[in-house]
Amino acid sequence: MTKKQYTEEFKEQLIKECQEVGNVSLVARRHDISPNTIHGWIRSLRKRGTVKPLPRNDEKRILEIQKRLEDVARENNTLKKLLGEKELELAVLRDLRDRVNPR
């Protein structure tokens, strides 16, 4: 018996389909896959979270790492801006609270 290798995209598609249908056995039967295989994919997805594995090819791996780093840097800058806005808002509210007569 040979072990099939499924792509990550295929696994994600089946997991999404299972969530939509709500029945792993039905989806497994449709695609002629063991329900235990799909349950294993769901378990591993829950374990690793939303992190997708890196490609095996070195060039693709480096490009993917650079892309992820840029995404994280962009998100970090957005969060810094939001934090700065909230800090300013809190400072204004504290200033108003500390005034004797705010009118």
Protein backbone atom coordinates (compact mmCIF):
# COMPACT_ATOMS: atom_id res chain seq x y z
CA MET A 1 0.00 0.00 0.00
CA THR A 2 1.48 3.34 -1.06
CA LYS A 3 1.15 6.56 0.83
CA LYS A 4 -0.28 9.45 -1.20
CA GLN A 5 1.15 12.92 -0.88
CA TYR A 6 -1.47 15.65 -0.91
CA THR A 7 -0.70 19.32 -1.45
CA GLU A 8 -1.28 21.82 1.34
CA GLU A 9 -3.81 23.62 -0.85
CA PHE A 10 -5.79 20.41 -1.29
CA LYS A 11 -5.72 19.72 2.44
CA GLU A 12 -6.90 23.26 3.23
CA GLN A 13 -9.66 22.97 0.64
CA LEU A 14 -10.92 19.71 2.15
CA ILE A 15 -10.77 21.08 5.71
CA LYS A 16 -12.72 24.15 4.61
CA GLU A 17 -15.25 21.92 2.87
CA CYS A 18 -15.59 19.83 6.05
CA GLN A 19 -16.28 22.98 8.06
CA GLU A 20 -18.92 24.12 5.57
CA VAL A 21 -20.63 20.72 5.28
CA GLY A 22 -20.18 19.83 8.93
CA ASN A 23 -19.56 16.16 8.16
CA VAL A 24 -16.02 14.84 7.71
CA SER A 25 -17.17 11.36 6.65
CA LEU A 26 -19.29 12.72 3.81
CA VAL A 27 -16.44 14.85 2.44
CA ALA A 28 -14.00 11.94 2.81
CA ARG A 29 -16.35 9.64 0.90
CA ARG A 30 -16.73 12.25 -1.88
CA HIS A 31 -12.97 12.44 -2.38
CA ASP A 32 -12.26 8.75 -1.68
CA ILE A 33 -10.08 9.50 1.35
CA SER A 34 -10.16 7.98 4.81
CA PRO A 35 -11.96 10.15 7.37
CA ASN A 36 -9.06 9.47 9.75
CA THR A 37 -6.71 11.15 7.28
CA ILE A 38 -8.84 14.31 7.26
CA HIS A 39 -9.15 14.24 11.04
CA GLY A 40 -5.33 14.05 11.22
CA TRP A 41 -5.06 17.10 8.96
CA ILE A 42 -7.51 18.99 11.16
CA ARG A 43 -5.54 18.03 14.29
CA SER A 44 -2.26 19.17 12.76
CA LEU A 45 -3.88 22.41 11.58
CA ARG A 46 -5.12 23.10 15.10
CA LYS A 47 -1.70 22.27 16.52
CA ARG A 48 0.28 24.56 14.24
CA GLY A 49 -2.37 27.26 14.02
CA THR A 50 -2.54 29.46 10.95
CA VAL A 51 1.15 29.08 10.07
CA LYS A 52 1.66 27.49 6.68
CA PRO A 53 4.74 25.33 6.16
CA LEU A 54 7.55 26.78 4.04
CA PRO A 55 8.24 25.38 0.56
CA ARG A 56 11.07 22.85 0.21
CA ASN A 57 12.74 24.62 -2.73
CA ASP A 58 15.42 27.00 -1.40
CA GLU A 59 14.58 29.87 -3.77
CA LYS A 60 10.85 29.64 -3.08
CA ARG A 61 11.59 29.28 0.63
CA ILE A 62 13.64 32.51 0.70
CA LEU A 63 10.98 34.39 -1.28
CA GLU A 64 8.26 33.14 1.07
CA ILE A 65 10.28 34.16 4.14
CA GLN A 66 10.85 37.63 2.67
CA LYS A 67 7.14 37.97 1.89
CA ARG A 68 6.17 36.92 5.41
CA LEU A 69 8.72 39.33 6.90
CA GLU A 70 7.31 42.21 4.85
CA ASP A 71 3.77 41.29 5.94
CA VAL A 72 4.81 41.20 9.60
CA ALA A 73 6.65 44.52 9.28
CA ARG A 74 3.58 46.12 7.64
CA GLU A 75 1.30 44.75 10.36
CA ASN A 76 3.75 45.91 13.04
CA ASN A 77 3.72 49.47 11.65
CA THR A 78 -0.07 49.48 11.57
CA LEU A 79 -0.23 48.29 15.17
CA LYS A 80 2.30 50.94 16.24
CA LYS A 81 0.14 53.65 14.67
CA LEU A 82 -2.96 52.31 16.41
CA LEU A 83 -1.12 52.15 19.73
CA GLY A 84 0.08 55.74 19.32
CA GLU A 85 -3.47 56.91 18.59
CA LYS A 86 -4.80 55.09 21.66
CA GLU A 87 -2.05 56.52 23.87
CA LEU A 88 -2.89 60.03 22.65
CA GLU A 89 -6.58 59.41 23.25
CA LEU A 90 -5.85 58.20 26.80
CA ALA A 91 -3.66 61.24 27.49
CA VAL A 92 -6.47 63.58 26.39
CA LEU A 93 -9.00 61.71 28.52
CA ARG A 94 -6.69 61.77 31.56
CA ASP A 95 -6.15 65.50 31.05
CA LEU A 96 -9.90 66.08 30.95
CA ARG A 97 -10.43 63.91 34.01
CA ASP A 98 -7.80 65.80 36.02
CA ARG A 99 -9.23 69.26 35.27
CA VAL A 100 -11.25 70.79 38.07
CA ASN A 101 -13.90 72.28 35.82
CA PRO A 102 -13.75 70.86 32.29
CA ARG A 103 -16.20 73.44 30.88
